[in-house]
């Protein structure tokens, strides 16, 4: 899974959000390492929606009512994909830690 897809799903696993919120939260979560530029963000949102991993939803009741904002939520399939990718990343991290143990050539 591409890094952008992973981080968008991760952000949406917390709560439905609009594009600017997704950008901001992804940057916060990664301490600025992930920057989702608008072209990449919206192309990826379209791909995730087409794949059934996210869906467009109504703005939350407490949201600023900007009619141009589109809100997105993760779907059950998106949660499964995110969980699967998290497991893969954990396995890769375990392998890396084993390879980097002191005394290994």
PDB file of N, CA and C in Angstrom:
ATOM      1  N   UNK A   1       0.853  -1.174   0.000  1.00  0.00           N
ATOM      2  CA  UNK A   1       0.000   0.000   0.000  1.00  0.00           C
ATOM      3  C   UNK A   1       0.899   1.237   0.000  1.00  0.00           C
ATOM      4  N   UNK A   2       0.549   2.201  -0.813  1.00  0.00           N
ATOM      5  CA  UNK A   2       1.308   3.448  -0.854  1.00  0.00           C
ATOM      6  C   UNK A   2       1.181   4.185   0.477  1.00  0.00           C
ATOM      7  N   UNK A   3       2.246   4.891   0.817  1.00  0.00           N
ATOM      8  CA  UNK A   3       2.279   5.619   2.087  1.00  0.00           C
ATOM      9  C   UNK A   3       1.111   6.597   2.214  1.00  0.00           C
ATOM     10  N   UNK A   4       0.763   7.281   1.126  1.00  0.00           N
ATOM     11  CA  UNK A   4      -0.334   8.254   1.189  1.00  0.00           C
ATOM     12  C   UNK A   4      -1.648   7.563   1.541  1.00  0.00           C
ATOM     13  N   UNK A   5      -1.906   6.423   0.913  1.00  0.00           N
ATOM     14  CA  UNK A   5      -3.146   5.693   1.177  1.00  0.00           C
ATOM     15  C   UNK A   5      -3.213   5.272   2.644  1.00  0.00           C
ATOM     16  N   UNK A   6      -2.096   4.749   3.141  1.00  0.00           N
ATOM     17  CA  UNK A   6      -2.032   4.305   4.533  1.00  0.00           C
ATOM     18  C   UNK A   6      -2.351   5.452   5.480  1.00  0.00           C
ATOM     19  N   UNK A   7      -1.726   6.594   5.284  1.00  0.00           N
ATOM     20  CA  UNK A   7      -1.909   7.711   6.212  1.00  0.00           C
ATOM     21  C   UNK A   7      -3.305   8.330   6.105  1.00  0.00           C
ATOM     22  N   UNK A   8      -3.877   8.362   4.939  1.00  0.00           N
ATOM     23  CA  UNK A   8      -5.250   8.862   4.806  1.00  0.00           C
ATOM     24  C   UNK A   8      -6.211   7.928   5.545  1.00  0.00           C
ATOM     25  N   UNK A   9      -6.052   6.625   5.353  1.00  0.00           N
ATOM     26  CA  UNK A   9      -6.908   5.675   6.076  1.00  0.00           C
ATOM     27  C   UNK A   9      -6.698   5.792   7.579  1.00  0.00           C
ATOM     28  N   UNK A  10      -5.460   5.976   8.003  1.00  0.00           N
ATOM     29  CA  UNK A  10      -5.162   6.121   9.421  1.00  0.00           C
ATOM     30  C   UNK A  10      -5.864   7.343  10.014  1.00  0.00           C
ATOM     31  N   UNK A  11      -5.814   8.452   9.316  1.00  0.00           N
ATOM     32  CA  UNK A  11      -6.487   9.671   9.772  1.00  0.00           C
ATOM     33  C   UNK A  11      -7.999   9.454   9.829  1.00  0.00           C
ATOM     34  N   UNK A  12      -8.556   8.843   8.791  1.00  0.00           N
ATOM     35  CA  UNK A  12     -10.005   8.649   8.746  1.00  0.00           C
ATOM     36  C   UNK A  12     -10.473   7.584   9.726  1.00  0.00           C
ATOM     37  N   UNK A  13      -9.572   6.736  10.205  1.00  0.00           N
ATOM     38  CA  UNK A  13      -9.945   5.753  11.229  1.00  0.00           C
ATOM     39  C   UNK A  13     -10.294   6.453  12.539  1.00  0.00           C
ATOM     40  N   UNK A  14      -9.764   7.664  12.733  1.00  0.00           N
ATOM     41  CA  UNK A  14     -10.082   8.439  13.938  1.00  0.00           C
ATOM     42  C   UNK A  14     -11.475   9.052  13.861  1.00  0.00           C
ATOM     43  N   UNK A  15     -11.795   9.640  12.689  1.00  0.00           N
ATOM     44  CA  UNK A  15     -13.071  10.341  12.528  1.00  0.00           C
ATOM     45  C   UNK A  15     -13.215  10.799  11.087  1.00  0.00           C
ATOM     46  N   UNK A  16     -14.448  11.011  10.617  1.00  0.00           N
ATOM     47  CA  UNK A  16     -14.634  11.592   9.285  1.00  0.00           C
ATOM     48  C   UNK A  16     -14.013  12.992   9.239  1.00  0.00           C
ATOM     49  N   UNK A  17     -13.448  13.327   8.092  1.00  0.00           N
ATOM     50  CA  UNK A  17     -12.776  14.630   7.947  1.00  0.00           C
ATOM     51  C   UNK A  17     -12.870  15.093   6.501  1.00  0.00           C
ATOM     52  N   UNK A  18     -12.646  16.399   6.316  1.00  0.00           N
ATOM     53  CA  UNK A  18     -12.539  16.945   4.963  1.00  0.00           C
ATOM     54  C   UNK A  18     -11.054  17.038   4.590  1.00  0.00           C
ATOM     55  N   UNK A  19     -10.790  17.341   3.337  1.00  0.00           N
ATOM     56  CA  UNK A  19      -9.435  17.301   2.810  1.00  0.00           C
ATOM     57  C   UNK A  19      -8.397  18.068   3.605  1.00  0.00           C
ATOM     58  N   UNK A  20      -8.680  19.321   3.951  1.00  0.00           N
ATOM     59  CA  UNK A  20      -7.694  20.116   4.685  1.00  0.00           C
ATOM     60  C   UNK A  20      -7.420  19.514   6.059  1.00  0.00           C
ATOM     61  N   UNK A  21      -8.447  18.952   6.693  1.00  0.00           N
ATOM     62  CA  UNK A  21      -8.246  18.295   7.990  1.00  0.00           C
ATOM     63  C   UNK A  21      -7.392  17.041   7.831  1.00  0.00           C
ATOM     64  N   UNK A  22      -7.616  16.306   6.752  1.00  0.00           N
ATOM     65  CA  UNK A  22      -6.819  15.106   6.496  1.00  0.00           C
ATOM     66  C   UNK A  22      -5.351  15.494   6.330  1.00  0.00           C
ATOM     67  N   UNK A  23      -5.089  16.526   5.535  1.00  0.00           N
ATOM     68  CA  UNK A  23      -3.710  17.000   5.339  1.00  0.00           C
ATOM     69  C   UNK A  23      -3.070  17.375   6.669  1.00  0.00           C
ATOM     70  N   UNK A  24      -3.766  18.191   7.454  1.00  0.00           N
ATOM     71  CA  UNK A  24      -3.227  18.678   8.724  1.00  0.00           C
ATOM     72  C   UNK A  24      -2.960  17.533   9.691  1.00  0.00           C
ATOM     73  N   UNK A  25      -3.921  16.633   9.831  1.00  0.00           N
ATOM     74  CA  UNK A  25      -3.776  15.540  10.799  1.00  0.00           C
ATOM     75  C   UNK A  25      -2.665  14.572  10.395  1.00  0.00           C
ATOM     76  N   UNK A  26      -2.546  14.266   9.106  1.00  0.00           N
ATOM     77  CA  UNK A  26      -1.470  13.378   8.652  1.00  0.00           C
ATOM     78  C   UNK A  26      -0.116  13.996   8.970  1.00  0.00           C
ATOM     79  N   UNK A  27       0.013  15.282   8.762  1.00  0.00           N
ATOM     80  CA  UNK A  27       1.264  15.967   9.086  1.00  0.00           C
ATOM     81  C   UNK A  27       1.535  15.923  10.593  1.00  0.00           C
ATOM     82  N   UNK A  28       0.507  16.160  11.398  1.00  0.00           N
ATOM     83  CA  UNK A  28       0.660  16.101  12.861  1.00  0.00           C
ATOM     84  C   UNK A  28       1.090  14.712  13.324  1.00  0.00           C
ATOM     85  N   UNK A  29       0.412  13.687  12.806  1.00  0.00           N
ATOM     86  CA  UNK A  29       0.682  12.317  13.240  1.00  0.00           C
ATOM     87  C   UNK A  29       2.111  11.886  12.924  1.00  0.00           C
ATOM     88  N   UNK A  30       2.655  12.421  11.845  1.00  0.00           N
ATOM     89  CA  UNK A  30       3.986  12.005  11.396  1.00  0.00           C
ATOM     90  C   UNK A  30       5.050  13.049  11.699  1.00  0.00           C
ATOM     91  N   UNK A  31       4.688  14.044  12.506  1.00  0.00           N
ATOM     92  CA  UNK A  31       5.621  15.130  12.858  1.00  0.00           C
ATOM     93  C   UNK A  31       6.204  15.780  11.599  1.00  0.00           C
ATOM     94  N   UNK A  32       5.340  15.970  10.605  1.00  0.00           N
ATOM     95  CA  UNK A  32       5.708  16.662   9.383  1.00  0.00           C
ATOM     96  C   UNK A  32       6.344  15.809   8.305  1.00  0.00           C
ATOM     97  N   UNK A  33       6.536  14.521   8.554  1.00  0.00           N
ATOM     98  CA  UNK A  33       7.165  13.654   7.553  1.00  0.00           C
ATOM     99  C   UNK A  33       6.257  13.400   6.356  1.00  0.00           C
ATOM    100  N   UNK A  34       4.967  13.337   6.580  1.00  0.00           N
ATOM    101  CA  UNK A  34       4.026  13.105   5.480  1.00  0.00           C
ATOM    102  C   UNK A  34       3.356  14.428   5.142  1.00  0.00           C
ATOM    103  N   UNK A  35       3.536  14.824   3.890  1.00  0.00           N
ATOM    104  CA  UNK A  35       2.887  16.031   3.382  1.00  0.00           C
ATOM    105  C   UNK A  35       1.994  15.596   2.235  1.00  0.00           C
ATOM    106  N   UNK A  36       0.716  15.787   2.387  1.00  0.00           N
ATOM    107  CA  UNK A  36      -0.241  15.424   1.355  1.00  0.00           C
ATOM    108  C   UNK A  36      -0.606  16.683   0.580  1.00  0.00           C
ATOM    109  N   UNK A  37       0.011  16.852  -0.556  1.00  0.00           N
ATOM    110  CA  UNK A  37      -0.278  18.010  -1.390  1.00  0.00           C
ATOM    111  C   UNK A  37      -1.637  17.815  -2.049  1.00  0.00           C
ATOM    112  N   UNK A  38      -2.356  18.897  -2.354  1.00  0.00           N
ATOM    113  CA  UNK A  38      -3.727  18.780  -2.853  1.00  0.00           C
ATOM    114  C   UNK A  38      -3.912  17.815  -4.030  1.00  0.00           C
ATOM    115  N   UNK A  39      -3.053  17.877  -5.017  1.00  0.00           N
ATOM    116  CA  UNK A  39      -3.225  16.983  -6.179  1.00  0.00           C
ATOM    117  C   UNK A  39      -3.128  15.526  -5.746  1.00  0.00           C
ATOM    118  N   UNK A  40      -2.131  15.214  -4.941  1.00  0.00           N
ATOM    119  CA  UNK A  40      -1.951  13.842  -4.457  1.00  0.00           C
ATOM    120  C   UNK A  40      -3.101  13.441  -3.549  1.00  0.00           C
ATOM    121  N   UNK A  41      -3.481  14.326  -2.638  1.00  0.00           N
ATOM    122  CA  UNK A  41      -4.554  14.029  -1.690  1.00  0.00           C
ATOM    123  C   UNK A  41      -5.851  13.692  -2.408  1.00  0.00           C
ATOM    124  N   UNK A  42      -6.294  14.566  -3.296  1.00  0.00           N
ATOM    125  CA  UNK A  42      -7.602  14.357  -3.920  1.00  0.00           C
ATOM    126  C   UNK A  42      -7.592  13.212  -4.925  1.00  0.00           C
ATOM    127  N   UNK A  43      -6.485  12.987  -5.587  1.00  0.00           N
ATOM    128  CA  UNK A  43      -6.380  11.822  -6.472  1.00  0.00           C
ATOM    129  C   UNK A  43      -6.468  10.548  -5.628  1.00  0.00           C
ATOM    130  N   UNK A  44      -5.769  10.537  -4.504  1.00  0.00           N
ATOM    131  CA  UNK A  44      -5.777   9.358  -3.637  1.00  0.00           C
ATOM    132  C   UNK A  44      -7.147   9.154  -3.000  1.00  0.00           C
ATOM    133  N   UNK A  45      -7.812  10.235  -2.589  1.00  0.00           N
ATOM    134  CA  UNK A  45      -9.166  10.106  -2.057  1.00  0.00           C
ATOM    135  C   UNK A  45     -10.100   9.486  -3.097  1.00  0.00           C
ATOM    136  N   UNK A  46      -9.984   9.930  -4.342  1.00  0.00           N
ATOM    137  CA  UNK A  46     -10.813   9.355  -5.416  1.00  0.00           C
ATOM    138  C   UNK A  46     -10.520   7.871  -5.591  1.00  0.00           C
ATOM    139  N   UNK A  47      -9.233   7.496  -5.544  1.00  0.00           N
ATOM    140  CA  UNK A  47      -8.850   6.080  -5.697  1.00  0.00           C
ATOM    141  C   UNK A  47      -9.387   5.245  -4.532  1.00  0.00           C
ATOM    142  N   UNK A  48      -9.226   5.756  -3.316  1.00  0.00           N
ATOM    143  CA  UNK A  48      -9.717   5.027  -2.140  1.00  0.00           C
ATOM    144  C   UNK A  48     -11.228   4.846  -2.196  1.00  0.00           C
ATOM    145  N   UNK A  49     -11.940   5.873  -2.654  1.00  0.00           N
ATOM    146  CA  UNK A  49     -13.395   5.766  -2.790  1.00  0.00           C
ATOM    147  C   UNK A  49     -13.764   4.745  -3.861  1.00  0.00           C
ATOM    148  N   UNK A  50     -13.061   4.784  -4.982  1.00  0.00           N
ATOM    149  CA  UNK A  50     -13.331   3.834  -6.064  1.00  0.00           C
ATOM    150  C   UNK A  50     -13.066   2.393  -5.615  1.00  0.00           C
ATOM    151  N   UNK A  51     -12.098   2.225  -4.710  1.00  0.00           N
ATOM    152  CA  UNK A  51     -11.766   0.897  -4.190  1.00  0.00           C
ATOM    153  C   UNK A  51     -12.675   0.474  -3.031  1.00  0.00           C
ATOM    154  N   UNK A  52     -13.594   1.355  -2.630  1.00  0.00           N
ATOM    155  CA  UNK A  52     -14.521   1.037  -1.550  1.00  0.00           C
ATOM    156  C   UNK A  52     -13.916   1.120  -0.156  1.00  0.00           C
ATOM    157  N   UNK A  53     -12.765   1.796  -0.024  1.00  0.00           N
ATOM    158  CA  UNK A  53     -12.094   1.879   1.270  1.00  0.00           C
ATOM    159  C   UNK A  53     -12.509   3.106   2.077  1.00  0.00           C
ATOM    160  N   UNK A  54     -13.047   4.114   1.390  1.00  0.00           N
ATOM    161  CA  UNK A  54     -13.621   5.289   2.046  1.00  0.00           C
ATOM    162  C   UNK A  54     -14.905   5.640   1.298  1.00  0.00           C
ATOM    163  N   UNK A  55     -15.694   6.509   1.917  1.00  0.00           N
ATOM    164  CA  UNK A  55     -16.902   6.994   1.248  1.00  0.00           C
ATOM    165  C   UNK A  55     -17.124   8.437   1.651  1.00  0.00           C
ATOM    166  N   UNK A  56     -17.802   9.165   0.795  1.00  0.00           N
ATOM    167  CA  UNK A  56     -18.155  10.538   1.116  1.00  0.00           C
ATOM    168  C   UNK A  56     -19.342  10.504   2.066  1.00  0.00           C
ATOM    169  N   UNK A  57     -19.321  11.389   3.071  1.00  0.00           N
ATOM    170  CA  UNK A  57     -20.382  11.441   4.070  1.00  0.00           C
ATOM    171  C   UNK A  57     -20.822  12.890   4.266  1.00  0.00           C
ATOM    172  N   UNK A  58     -21.962  13.048   4.918  1.00  0.00           N
ATOM    173  CA  UNK A  58     -22.446  14.390   5.248  1.00  0.00           C
ATOM    174  C   UNK A  58     -21.526  15.018   6.285  1.00  0.00           C
ATOM    175  N   UNK A  59     -21.474  16.324   6.268  1.00  0.00           N
ATOM    176  CA  UNK A  59     -20.673  17.050   7.262  1.00  0.00           C
ATOM    177  C   UNK A  59     -21.219  16.772   8.652  1.00  0.00           C
ATOM    178  N   UNK A  60     -20.336  16.586   9.625  1.00  0.00           N
ATOM    179  CA  UNK A  60     -20.803  16.391  11.002  1.00  0.00           C
ATOM    180  C   UNK A  60     -21.610  17.606  11.474  1.00  0.00           C
ATOM    181  N   UNK A  61     -22.486  17.412  12.410  1.00  0.00           N
ATOM    182  CA  UNK A  61     -23.343  18.484  12.896  1.00  0.00           C
ATOM    183  C   UNK A  61     -22.597  19.682  13.458  1.00  0.00           C
ATOM    184  N   UNK A  62     -21.410  19.450  14.009  1.00  0.00           N
ATOM    185  CA  UNK A  62     -20.637  20.536  14.607  1.00  0.00           C
ATOM    186  C   UNK A  62     -19.655  21.172  13.612  1.00  0.00           C
ATOM    187  N   UNK A  63     -19.728  20.770  12.336  1.00  0.00           N
ATOM    188  CA  UNK A  63     -18.767  21.246  11.336  1.00  0.00           C
ATOM    189  C   UNK A  63     -19.079  22.656  10.865  1.00  0.00           C
ATOM    190  N   UNK A  64     -18.035  23.342  10.479  1.00  0.00           N
ATOM    191  CA  UNK A  64     -18.159  24.646   9.812  1.00  0.00           C
ATOM    192  C   UNK A  64     -18.884  24.362   8.490  1.00  0.00           C
ATOM    193  N   UNK A  65     -19.972  25.017   8.229  1.00  0.00           N
ATOM    194  CA  UNK A  65     -20.798  24.685   7.061  1.00  0.00           C
ATOM    195  C   UNK A  65     -20.316  25.368   5.786  1.00  0.00           C
ATOM    196  N   UNK A  66     -19.200  24.919   5.296  1.00  0.00           N
ATOM    197  CA  UNK A  66     -18.675  25.363   4.009  1.00  0.00           C
ATOM    198  C   UNK A  66     -19.190  24.357   2.976  1.00  0.00           C
ATOM    199  N   UNK A  67     -20.057  24.789   2.089  1.00  0.00           N
ATOM    200  CA  UNK A  67     -20.702  23.878   1.132  1.00  0.00           C
ATOM    201  C   UNK A  67     -19.716  23.188   0.191  1.00  0.00           C
ATOM    202  N   UNK A  68     -18.555  23.773  -0.004  1.00  0.00           N
ATOM    203  CA  UNK A  68     -17.578  23.183  -0.924  1.00  0.00           C
ATOM    204  C   UNK A  68     -16.817  22.021  -0.302  1.00  0.00           C
ATOM    205  N   UNK A  69     -16.825  21.918   1.013  1.00  0.00           N
ATOM    206  CA  UNK A  69     -16.079  20.851   1.673  1.00  0.00           C
ATOM    207  C   UNK A  69     -16.782  19.516   1.498  1.00  0.00           C
ATOM    208  N   UNK A  70     -15.965  18.530   1.166  1.00  0.00           N
ATOM    209  CA  UNK A  70     -16.460  17.161   1.080  1.00  0.00           C
ATOM    210  C   UNK A  70     -15.830  16.373   2.221  1.00  0.00           C
ATOM    211  N   UNK A  71     -16.651  15.666   2.956  1.00  0.00           N
ATOM    212  CA  UNK A  71     -16.175  14.879   4.093  1.00  0.00           C
ATOM    213  C   UNK A  71     -16.092  13.415   3.703  1.00  0.00           C
ATOM    214  N   UNK A  72     -15.116  12.734   4.275  1.00  0.00           N
ATOM    215  CA  UNK A  72     -14.869  11.327   3.974  1.00  0.00           C
ATOM    216  C   UNK A  72     -14.802  10.529   5.263  1.00  0.00           C
ATOM    217  N   UNK A  73     -15.243   9.273   5.171  1.00  0.00           N
ATOM    218  CA  UNK A  73     -15.172   8.343   6.301  1.00  0.00           C
ATOM    219  C   UNK A  73     -14.607   7.023   5.802  1.00  0.00           C
ATOM    220  N   UNK A  74     -13.920   6.323   6.671  1.00  0.00           N
ATOM    221  CA  UNK A  74     -13.383   5.006   6.326  1.00  0.00           C
ATOM    222  C   UNK A  74     -14.537   3.999   6.340  1.00  0.00           C
ATOM    223  N   UNK A  75     -14.485   3.022   5.460  1.00  0.00           N
ATOM    224  CA  UNK A  75     -15.489   1.957   5.407  1.00  0.00           C
ATOM    225  C   UNK A  75     -14.965   0.730   6.160  1.00  0.00           C
ATOM    226  N   UNK A  76     -15.809  -0.253   6.410  1.00  0.00           N
ATOM    227  CA  UNK A  76     -15.310  -1.493   7.030  1.00  0.00           C
ATOM    228  C   UNK A  76     -14.182  -2.134   6.198  1.00  0.00           C
ATOM    229  N   UNK A  77     -14.294  -2.089   4.870  1.00  0.00           N
ATOM    230  CA  UNK A  77     -13.216  -2.625   4.023  1.00  0.00           C
ATOM    231  C   UNK A  77     -11.936  -1.818   4.208  1.00  0.00           C
ATOM    232  N   UNK A  78     -12.086  -0.512   4.377  1.00  0.00           N
ATOM    233  CA  UNK A  78     -10.933   0.342   4.616  1.00  0.00           C
ATOM    234  C   UNK A  78     -10.261   0.015   5.939  1.00  0.00           C
ATOM    235  N   UNK A  79     -11.057  -0.262   6.967  1.00  0.00           N
ATOM    236  CA  UNK A  79     -10.485  -0.647   8.268  1.00  0.00           C
ATOM    237  C   UNK A  79      -9.715  -1.962   8.148  1.00  0.00           C
ATOM    238  N   UNK A  80     -10.265  -2.909   7.397  1.00  0.00           N
ATOM    239  CA  UNK A  80      -9.567  -4.187   7.219  1.00  0.00           C
ATOM    240  C   UNK A  80      -8.266  -3.979   6.455  1.00  0.00           C
ATOM    241  N   UNK A  81      -8.296  -3.156   5.418  1.00  0.00           N
ATOM    242  CA  UNK A  81      -7.082  -2.882   4.644  1.00  0.00           C
ATOM    243  C   UNK A  81      -6.035  -2.187   5.519  1.00  0.00           C
ATOM    244  N   UNK A  82      -6.464  -1.242   6.325  1.00  0.00           N
ATOM    245  CA  UNK A  82      -5.551  -0.536   7.230  1.00  0.00           C
ATOM    246  C   UNK A  82      -4.941  -1.504   8.235  1.00  0.00           C
ATOM    247  N   UNK A  83      -5.765  -2.368   8.812  1.00  0.00           N
ATOM    248  CA  UNK A  83      -5.267  -3.344   9.785  1.00  0.00           C
ATOM    249  C   UNK A  83      -4.264  -4.298   9.134  1.00  0.00           C
ATOM    250  N   UNK A  84      -4.558  -4.735   7.924  1.00  0.00           N
ATOM    251  CA  UNK A  84      -3.639  -5.626   7.218  1.00  0.00           C
ATOM    252  C   UNK A  84      -2.303  -4.956   6.932  1.00  0.00           C
ATOM    253  N   UNK A  85      -2.350  -3.704   6.529  1.00  0.00           N
ATOM    254  CA  UNK A  85      -1.117  -2.974   6.257  1.00  0.00           C
ATOM    255  C   UNK A  85      -0.338  -2.739   7.547  1.00  0.00           C
ATOM    256  N   UNK A  86      -1.026  -2.439   8.640  1.00  0.00           N
ATOM    257  CA  UNK A  86      -0.350  -2.252   9.928  1.00  0.00           C
ATOM    258  C   UNK A  86       0.360  -3.536  10.350  1.00  0.00           C
ATOM    259  N   UNK A  87      -0.276  -4.675  10.144  1.00  0.00           N
ATOM    260  CA  UNK A  87       0.359  -5.961  10.464  1.00  0.00           C
ATOM    261  C   UNK A  87       1.590  -6.191   9.604  1.00  0.00           C
ATOM    262  N   UNK A  88       1.510  -5.862   8.325  1.00  0.00           N
ATOM    263  CA  UNK A  88       2.665  -6.018   7.432  1.00  0.00           C
ATOM    264  C   UNK A  88       3.818  -5.124   7.874  1.00  0.00           C
ATOM    265  N   UNK A  89       3.503  -3.886   8.253  1.00  0.00           N
ATOM    266  CA  UNK A  89       4.544  -2.967   8.711  1.00  0.00           C
ATOM    267  C   UNK A  89       5.171  -3.455  10.017  1.00  0.00           C
ATOM    268  N   UNK A  90       4.360  -3.996  10.919  1.00  0.00           N
ATOM    269  CA  UNK A  90       4.896  -4.545  12.167  1.00  0.00           C
ATOM    270  C   UNK A  90       5.835  -5.709  11.892  1.00  0.00           C
ATOM    271  N   UNK A  91       5.465  -6.586  10.966  1.00  0.00           N
ATOM    272  CA  UNK A  91       6.315  -7.728  10.619  1.00  0.00           C
ATOM    273  C   UNK A  91       7.627  -7.241  10.017  1.00  0.00           C
ATOM    274  N   UNK A  92       7.564  -6.255   9.151  1.00  0.00           N
ATOM    275  CA  UNK A  92       8.783  -5.711   8.541  1.00  0.00           C
ATOM    276  C   UNK A  92       9.677  -5.066   9.606  1.00  0.00           C
ATOM    277  N   UNK A  93       9.072  -4.365  10.560  1.00  0.00           N
ATOM    278  CA  UNK A  93       9.849  -3.743  11.633  1.00  0.00           C
ATOM    279  C   UNK A  93      10.529  -4.802  12.501  1.00  0.00           C
ATOM    280  N   UNK A  94       9.827  -5.899  12.782  1.00  0.00           N
ATOM    281  CA  UNK A  94      10.433  -6.992  13.568  1.00  0.00           C
ATOM    282  C   UNK A  94      11.645  -7.555  12.840  1.00  0.00           C
ATOM    283  N   UNK A  95      11.521  -7.776  11.539  1.00  0.00           N
ATOM    284  CA  UNK A  95      12.650  -8.290  10.753  1.00  0.00           C
ATOM    285  C   UNK A  95      13.826  -7.325  10.773  1.00  0.00           C
ATOM    286  N   UNK A  96      13.525  -6.048  10.657  1.00  0.00           N
ATOM    287  CA  UNK A  96      14.590  -5.047  10.678  1.00  0.00           C
ATOM    288  C   UNK A  96      15.294  -5.037  12.034  1.00  0.00           C
ATOM    289  N   UNK A  97      14.536  -5.106  13.121  1.00  0.00           N
ATOM    290  CA  UNK A  97      15.150  -5.123  14.449  1.00  0.00           C
ATOM    291  C   UNK A  97      16.035  -6.350  14.631  1.00  0.00           C
ATOM    292  N   UNK A  98      15.579  -7.499  14.131  1.00  0.00           N
ATOM    293  CA  UNK A  98      16.398  -8.719  14.230  1.00  0.00           C
ATOM    294  C   UNK A  98      17.683  -8.563  13.431  1.00  0.00           C
ATOM    295  N   UNK A  99      17.584  -8.013  12.240  1.00  0.00           N
ATOM    296  CA  UNK A  99      18.763  -7.844  11.379  1.00  0.00           C
ATOM    297  C   UNK A  99      19.760  -6.859  11.971  1.00  0.00           C
ATOM    298  N   UNK A 100      19.279  -5.911  12.769  1.00  0.00           N
ATOM    299  CA  UNK A 100      20.126  -4.864  13.319  1.00  0.00           C
ATOM    300  C   UNK A 100      20.641  -5.181  14.730  1.00  0.00           C
ATOM    301  N   UNK A 101      20.361  -6.358  15.234  1.00  0.00           N
ATOM    302  CA  UNK A 101      20.850  -6.731  16.561  1.00  0.00           C
ATOM    303  C   UNK A 101      22.380  -6.684  16.591  1.00  0.00           C
ATOM    304  N   UNK A 102      22.922  -6.270  17.724  1.00  0.00           N
ATOM    305  CA  UNK A 102      24.381  -6.274  17.845  1.00  0.00           C
ATOM    306  C   UNK A 102      24.941  -7.672  17.600  1.00  0.00           C
ATOM    307  N   UNK A 103      26.081  -7.731  16.958  1.00  0.00           N
ATOM    308  CA  UNK A 103      26.728  -9.010  16.691  1.00  0.00           C
ATOM    309  C   UNK A 103      26.343  -9.620  15.360  1.00  0.00           C
ATOM    310  N   UNK A 104      25.396  -9.012  14.653  1.00  0.00           N
ATOM    311  CA  UNK A 104      25.021  -9.546  13.325  1.00  0.00           C
ATOM    312  C   UNK A 104      25.900  -8.857  12.293  1.00  0.00           C
ATOM    313  N   UNK A 105      26.317  -9.603  11.341  1.00  0.00           N
ATOM    314  CA  UNK A 105      27.207  -9.035  10.308  1.00  0.00           C
ATOM    315  C   UNK A 105      26.500  -8.175   9.332  1.00  0.00           C
TER     316      UNK A 105
END
